[in-house]
């Protein structure tokens, strides 16, 4: 559920960036239409939350590496296994991120056509 929510937020952020590139930073376009519902532009709160989580992961990863070096024989396997899990998750997120949902294409097309760009 959290992964799906992250992907949706990320795709809305990408659409907002495209609209901002087309109309400039002071764009009057703050809303995107999709299925009759209005989606507000990407909020900076979510970006700050993701940044905090990333920093926390980096800190805990650094601590784990130091701990592994101190007691190499006991923790190397669990550390490698966790790193492999993180790599698999990162790869999955990249793969999911590259495939946009069909509504993203419709939202981009509607945003572009409603402003007479194409």
N, C-alpha and C. Protein backbone atom coordinates (compact mmCIF):
# COMPACT_ATOMS: atom_id res chain seq x y z
N UNK A 1 0.83 -1.19 0.00
CA UNK A 1 0.00 0.00 0.00
C UNK A 1 0.87 1.26 0.00
N UNK A 2 1.90 1.25 0.84
CA UNK A 2 2.78 2.41 0.91
C UNK A 2 3.55 2.59 -0.40
N UNK A 3 3.94 1.49 -1.03
CA UNK A 3 4.67 1.57 -2.30
C UNK A 3 3.78 2.16 -3.39
N UNK A 4 2.53 1.73 -3.44
CA UNK A 4 1.59 2.25 -4.44
C UNK A 4 1.38 3.75 -4.22
N UNK A 5 1.23 4.14 -2.96
CA UNK A 5 1.03 5.56 -2.65
C UNK A 5 2.26 6.37 -3.06
N UNK A 6 3.45 5.85 -2.80
CA UNK A 6 4.68 6.54 -3.18
C UNK A 6 4.77 6.70 -4.69
N UNK A 7 4.42 5.65 -5.42
CA UNK A 7 4.49 5.70 -6.88
C UNK A 7 3.51 6.73 -7.42
N UNK A 8 2.28 6.77 -6.85
CA UNK A 8 1.30 7.75 -7.30
C UNK A 8 1.78 9.17 -7.02
N UNK A 9 2.33 9.39 -5.82
CA UNK A 9 2.85 10.71 -5.49
C UNK A 9 3.99 11.09 -6.42
N UNK A 10 4.84 10.15 -6.73
CA UNK A 10 5.99 10.41 -7.59
C UNK A 10 5.53 10.76 -9.01
N UNK A 11 4.53 10.03 -9.52
CA UNK A 11 4.05 10.32 -10.88
C UNK A 11 3.35 11.66 -10.93
N UNK A 12 2.59 12.02 -9.90
CA UNK A 12 1.95 13.34 -9.86
C UNK A 12 3.03 14.41 -9.83
N UNK A 13 4.11 14.15 -9.10
CA UNK A 13 5.22 15.10 -9.03
C UNK A 13 5.85 15.29 -10.42
N UNK A 14 6.00 14.22 -11.16
CA UNK A 14 6.58 14.30 -12.51
C UNK A 14 5.67 15.11 -13.43
N UNK A 15 4.36 14.86 -13.36
CA UNK A 15 3.41 15.61 -14.18
C UNK A 15 3.47 17.09 -13.82
N UNK A 16 3.55 17.40 -12.53
CA UNK A 16 3.63 18.79 -12.10
C UNK A 16 4.90 19.44 -12.64
N UNK A 17 6.01 18.70 -12.63
CA UNK A 17 7.25 19.25 -13.17
C UNK A 17 7.10 19.57 -14.66
N UNK A 18 6.45 18.69 -15.40
CA UNK A 18 6.25 18.92 -16.84
C UNK A 18 5.42 20.18 -17.06
N UNK A 19 4.34 20.32 -16.29
CA UNK A 19 3.49 21.51 -16.42
C UNK A 19 4.28 22.76 -16.05
N UNK A 20 5.11 22.68 -15.01
CA UNK A 20 5.92 23.84 -14.63
C UNK A 20 6.94 24.19 -15.71
N UNK A 21 7.51 23.17 -16.35
CA UNK A 21 8.46 23.45 -17.42
C UNK A 21 7.79 24.16 -18.59
N UNK A 22 6.57 23.76 -18.87
CA UNK A 22 5.86 24.34 -20.01
C UNK A 22 5.39 25.76 -19.69
N UNK A 23 4.89 25.98 -18.47
CA UNK A 23 4.29 27.26 -18.12
C UNK A 23 5.17 28.15 -17.26
N UNK A 24 6.32 27.68 -16.87
CA UNK A 24 7.17 28.47 -15.99
C UNK A 24 6.83 28.20 -14.53
N UNK A 25 7.65 28.72 -13.64
CA UNK A 25 7.49 28.44 -12.21
C UNK A 25 6.21 29.04 -11.64
N UNK A 26 5.73 30.15 -12.18
CA UNK A 26 4.53 30.82 -11.67
C UNK A 26 3.29 30.34 -12.43
N UNK A 27 3.18 29.08 -12.63
CA UNK A 27 2.10 28.52 -13.41
C UNK A 27 0.76 28.66 -12.69
N UNK A 28 -0.29 29.07 -13.40
CA UNK A 28 -1.62 29.09 -12.78
C UNK A 28 -2.21 27.70 -12.65
N UNK A 29 -1.56 26.73 -13.26
CA UNK A 29 -2.06 25.36 -13.23
C UNK A 29 -1.62 24.68 -11.95
N UNK A 30 -2.53 24.59 -11.00
CA UNK A 30 -2.21 23.92 -9.74
C UNK A 30 -2.97 22.60 -9.62
N UNK A 31 -3.91 22.40 -10.48
CA UNK A 31 -4.75 21.21 -10.37
C UNK A 31 -4.70 20.43 -11.67
N UNK A 32 -4.76 19.14 -11.56
CA UNK A 32 -4.80 18.27 -12.74
C UNK A 32 -6.10 17.47 -12.69
N UNK A 33 -6.76 17.37 -13.83
CA UNK A 33 -8.02 16.62 -13.88
C UNK A 33 -7.75 15.18 -14.28
N UNK A 34 -8.46 14.29 -13.61
CA UNK A 34 -8.37 12.88 -13.97
C UNK A 34 -9.60 12.19 -13.43
N UNK A 35 -10.42 11.63 -14.29
CA UNK A 35 -11.67 10.97 -13.93
C UNK A 35 -12.60 11.91 -13.16
N UNK A 36 -12.56 13.17 -13.47
CA UNK A 36 -13.44 14.13 -12.82
C UNK A 36 -12.99 14.53 -11.42
N UNK A 37 -11.91 13.97 -10.94
CA UNK A 37 -11.40 14.31 -9.61
C UNK A 37 -10.25 15.28 -9.77
N UNK A 38 -10.06 16.12 -8.79
CA UNK A 38 -8.97 17.09 -8.84
C UNK A 38 -7.83 16.63 -7.97
N UNK A 39 -6.63 16.67 -8.53
CA UNK A 39 -5.43 16.31 -7.78
C UNK A 39 -4.60 17.57 -7.57
N UNK A 40 -4.31 17.88 -6.34
CA UNK A 40 -3.50 19.06 -6.05
C UNK A 40 -2.06 18.77 -6.41
N UNK A 41 -1.32 19.81 -6.74
CA UNK A 41 0.07 19.60 -7.11
C UNK A 41 0.84 18.96 -5.96
N UNK A 42 1.94 18.37 -6.28
CA UNK A 42 2.77 17.64 -5.32
C UNK A 42 3.16 18.53 -4.15
N UNK A 43 2.93 18.04 -2.97
CA UNK A 43 3.21 18.81 -1.76
C UNK A 43 4.65 18.62 -1.32
N UNK A 44 5.29 19.67 -0.86
CA UNK A 44 6.67 19.59 -0.38
C UNK A 44 6.77 18.80 0.92
N UNK A 45 5.64 18.65 1.64
CA UNK A 45 5.67 17.86 2.88
C UNK A 45 6.10 16.44 2.61
N UNK A 46 5.57 15.84 1.55
CA UNK A 46 5.92 14.46 1.22
C UNK A 46 7.40 14.34 0.87
N UNK A 47 7.92 15.34 0.17
CA UNK A 47 9.32 15.31 -0.21
C UNK A 47 10.21 15.40 1.03
N UNK A 48 9.84 16.24 1.99
CA UNK A 48 10.61 16.37 3.23
C UNK A 48 10.56 15.06 4.02
N UNK A 49 9.40 14.42 4.05
CA UNK A 49 9.26 13.15 4.77
C UNK A 49 10.15 12.08 4.14
N UNK A 50 10.18 12.02 2.82
CA UNK A 50 11.02 11.04 2.13
C UNK A 50 12.49 11.32 2.38
N UNK A 51 12.87 12.60 2.44
CA UNK A 51 14.26 12.96 2.70
C UNK A 51 14.67 12.52 4.09
N UNK A 52 13.79 12.72 5.07
CA UNK A 52 14.09 12.29 6.44
C UNK A 52 14.27 10.78 6.51
N UNK A 53 13.41 10.03 5.84
CA UNK A 53 13.52 8.57 5.85
C UNK A 53 14.82 8.13 5.20
N UNK A 54 15.19 8.78 4.11
CA UNK A 54 16.44 8.43 3.43
C UNK A 54 17.63 8.68 4.33
N UNK A 55 17.63 9.81 5.03
CA UNK A 55 18.72 10.13 5.95
C UNK A 55 18.79 9.10 7.06
N UNK A 56 17.63 8.69 7.57
CA UNK A 56 17.60 7.69 8.64
C UNK A 56 18.16 6.36 8.16
N UNK A 57 17.81 5.96 6.95
CA UNK A 57 18.34 4.71 6.39
C UNK A 57 19.85 4.80 6.23
N UNK A 58 20.35 5.94 5.77
CA UNK A 58 21.79 6.10 5.60
C UNK A 58 22.52 6.01 6.93
N UNK A 59 21.96 6.63 7.97
CA UNK A 59 22.59 6.59 9.29
C UNK A 59 22.61 5.17 9.81
N UNK A 60 21.47 4.46 9.72
CA UNK A 60 21.43 3.10 10.24
C UNK A 60 22.33 2.18 9.42
N UNK A 61 22.43 2.42 8.12
CA UNK A 61 23.30 1.61 7.27
C UNK A 61 24.76 1.82 7.66
N UNK A 62 25.14 3.06 7.94
CA UNK A 62 26.51 3.35 8.36
C UNK A 62 26.81 2.68 9.68
N UNK A 63 25.88 2.74 10.62
CA UNK A 63 26.08 2.09 11.92
C UNK A 63 26.25 0.59 11.75
N UNK A 64 25.46 0.00 10.88
CA UNK A 64 25.54 -1.45 10.65
C UNK A 64 26.91 -1.81 10.08
N UNK A 65 27.42 -1.00 9.17
CA UNK A 65 28.72 -1.29 8.58
C UNK A 65 29.82 -1.22 9.63
N UNK A 66 29.76 -0.23 10.52
CA UNK A 66 30.76 -0.12 11.58
C UNK A 66 30.69 -1.34 12.49
N UNK A 67 29.47 -1.75 12.82
CA UNK A 67 29.28 -2.90 13.69
C UNK A 67 29.82 -4.16 13.01
N UNK A 68 29.60 -4.29 11.73
CA UNK A 68 30.08 -5.45 10.98
C UNK A 68 31.61 -5.51 11.00
N UNK A 69 32.25 -4.37 10.85
CA UNK A 69 33.71 -4.36 10.85
C UNK A 69 34.27 -4.73 12.22
N UNK A 70 33.58 -4.36 13.29
CA UNK A 70 34.05 -4.68 14.64
C UNK A 70 33.94 -6.17 14.95
N UNK A 71 32.89 -6.80 14.49
CA UNK A 71 32.66 -8.21 14.79
C UNK A 71 32.34 -8.92 13.48
N UNK A 72 33.31 -9.05 12.64
CA UNK A 72 33.13 -9.49 11.26
C UNK A 72 32.53 -10.89 11.13
N UNK A 73 32.95 -11.82 11.93
CA UNK A 73 32.54 -13.20 11.72
C UNK A 73 31.06 -13.43 12.04
N UNK A 74 30.50 -12.70 13.00
CA UNK A 74 29.12 -12.98 13.41
C UNK A 74 28.08 -12.23 12.60
N UNK A 75 28.38 -11.03 12.16
CA UNK A 75 27.33 -10.20 11.56
C UNK A 75 27.43 -10.05 10.05
N UNK A 76 28.45 -10.58 9.45
CA UNK A 76 28.62 -10.36 8.00
C UNK A 76 27.47 -10.96 7.20
N UNK A 77 26.97 -12.13 7.61
CA UNK A 77 25.89 -12.77 6.85
C UNK A 77 24.60 -11.97 6.95
N UNK A 78 24.24 -11.54 8.16
CA UNK A 78 23.00 -10.78 8.30
C UNK A 78 23.11 -9.43 7.60
N UNK A 79 24.29 -8.83 7.63
CA UNK A 79 24.48 -7.55 6.95
C UNK A 79 24.37 -7.73 5.43
N UNK A 80 24.96 -8.78 4.90
CA UNK A 80 24.87 -9.03 3.45
C UNK A 80 23.43 -9.33 3.04
N UNK A 81 22.74 -10.09 3.88
CA UNK A 81 21.36 -10.43 3.55
C UNK A 81 20.49 -9.16 3.53
N UNK A 82 20.68 -8.29 4.50
CA UNK A 82 19.91 -7.06 4.55
C UNK A 82 20.25 -6.16 3.36
N UNK A 83 21.49 -6.11 3.01
CA UNK A 83 21.90 -5.31 1.85
C UNK A 83 21.27 -5.87 0.58
N UNK A 84 21.23 -7.18 0.45
CA UNK A 84 20.60 -7.80 -0.73
C UNK A 84 19.11 -7.48 -0.77
N UNK A 85 18.45 -7.50 0.39
CA UNK A 85 17.03 -7.15 0.45
C UNK A 85 16.81 -5.70 0.04
N UNK A 86 17.68 -4.82 0.53
CA UNK A 86 17.56 -3.41 0.17
C UNK A 86 17.78 -3.22 -1.33
N UNK A 87 18.73 -3.94 -1.90
CA UNK A 87 19.00 -3.84 -3.33
C UNK A 87 17.80 -4.32 -4.13
N UNK A 88 17.19 -5.41 -3.70
CA UNK A 88 16.01 -5.93 -4.40
C UNK A 88 14.87 -4.92 -4.33
N UNK A 89 14.66 -4.31 -3.16
CA UNK A 89 13.61 -3.32 -3.02
C UNK A 89 13.89 -2.10 -3.90
N UNK A 90 15.13 -1.65 -3.91
CA UNK A 90 15.50 -0.49 -4.73
C UNK A 90 15.28 -0.80 -6.21
N UNK A 91 15.66 -2.00 -6.64
CA UNK A 91 15.47 -2.39 -8.03
C UNK A 91 13.99 -2.44 -8.38
N UNK A 92 13.18 -2.99 -7.46
CA UNK A 92 11.74 -3.07 -7.70
C UNK A 92 11.13 -1.68 -7.81
N UNK A 93 11.53 -0.77 -6.93
CA UNK A 93 10.99 0.59 -6.98
C UNK A 93 11.39 1.29 -8.28
N UNK A 94 12.62 1.08 -8.73
CA UNK A 94 13.04 1.69 -9.99
C UNK A 94 12.22 1.14 -11.15
N UNK A 95 12.00 -0.17 -11.14
CA UNK A 95 11.24 -0.79 -12.22
C UNK A 95 9.80 -0.28 -12.22
N UNK A 96 9.18 -0.21 -11.03
CA UNK A 96 7.81 0.28 -10.94
C UNK A 96 7.72 1.75 -11.33
N UNK A 97 8.76 2.49 -11.01
CA UNK A 97 8.75 3.92 -11.31
C UNK A 97 8.84 4.17 -12.82
N UNK A 98 9.52 3.31 -13.54
CA UNK A 98 9.69 3.51 -14.97
C UNK A 98 8.42 3.24 -15.76
N UNK A 99 7.53 2.44 -15.20
CA UNK A 99 6.28 2.13 -15.89
C UNK A 99 5.20 3.04 -15.31
N UNK A 100 4.77 4.01 -16.09
CA UNK A 100 3.74 4.93 -15.62
C UNK A 100 2.37 4.30 -15.80
N UNK A 101 1.49 4.64 -14.91
CA UNK A 101 0.11 4.19 -15.02
C UNK A 101 -0.55 4.94 -16.19
N UNK A 102 -1.56 4.33 -16.80
CA UNK A 102 -2.22 4.98 -17.95
C UNK A 102 -2.80 6.35 -17.60
N UNK A 103 -3.26 6.55 -16.36
CA UNK A 103 -3.84 7.83 -16.00
C UNK A 103 -2.81 8.95 -16.03
N UNK A 104 -1.52 8.61 -15.88
CA UNK A 104 -0.48 9.64 -15.94
C UNK A 104 -0.40 10.21 -17.35
N UNK A 105 -0.44 9.32 -18.34
CA UNK A 105 -0.40 9.78 -19.73
C UNK A 105 -1.62 10.65 -20.05
N UNK A 106 -2.80 10.23 -19.55
CA UNK A 106 -4.00 11.02 -19.80
C UNK A 106 -3.90 12.38 -19.12
N UNK A 107 -3.37 12.41 -17.90
CA UNK A 107 -3.25 13.68 -17.17
C UNK A 107 -2.29 14.63 -17.89
N UNK A 108 -1.19 14.09 -18.40
CA UNK A 108 -0.24 14.93 -19.14
C UNK A 108 -0.89 15.46 -20.41
N UNK A 109 -1.57 14.57 -21.13
CA UNK A 109 -2.21 14.97 -22.39
C UNK A 109 -3.28 16.04 -22.13
N UNK A 110 -4.08 15.86 -21.05
CA UNK A 110 -5.11 16.85 -20.73
C UNK A 110 -4.49 18.18 -20.33
N UNK A 111 -3.42 18.13 -19.54
CA UNK A 111 -2.77 19.37 -19.10
C UNK A 111 -2.18 20.12 -20.28
N UNK A 112 -1.58 19.38 -21.20
CA UNK A 112 -0.96 20.02 -22.36
C UNK A 112 -2.03 20.54 -23.32
N UNK A 113 -3.05 19.75 -23.60
CA UNK A 113 -4.07 20.18 -24.56
C UNK A 113 -4.96 21.28 -24.01
N UNK A 114 -5.20 21.31 -22.70
CA UNK A 114 -6.06 22.35 -22.14
C UNK A 114 -5.42 23.73 -22.20
N UNK A 115 -4.12 23.77 -22.35
CA UNK A 115 -3.42 25.06 -22.44
C UNK A 115 -2.99 25.38 -23.87
N UNK A 116 -3.46 24.60 -24.82
CA UNK A 116 -3.21 24.88 -26.22
C UNK A 116 -1.76 24.77 -26.64
N UNK A 117 -1.03 23.87 -26.01
CA UNK A 117 0.39 23.72 -26.34
C UNK A 117 0.55 22.92 -27.62
N UNK A 118 -0.23 21.86 -27.76
CA UNK A 118 -0.13 21.03 -28.97
C UNK A 118 -1.41 21.12 -29.76
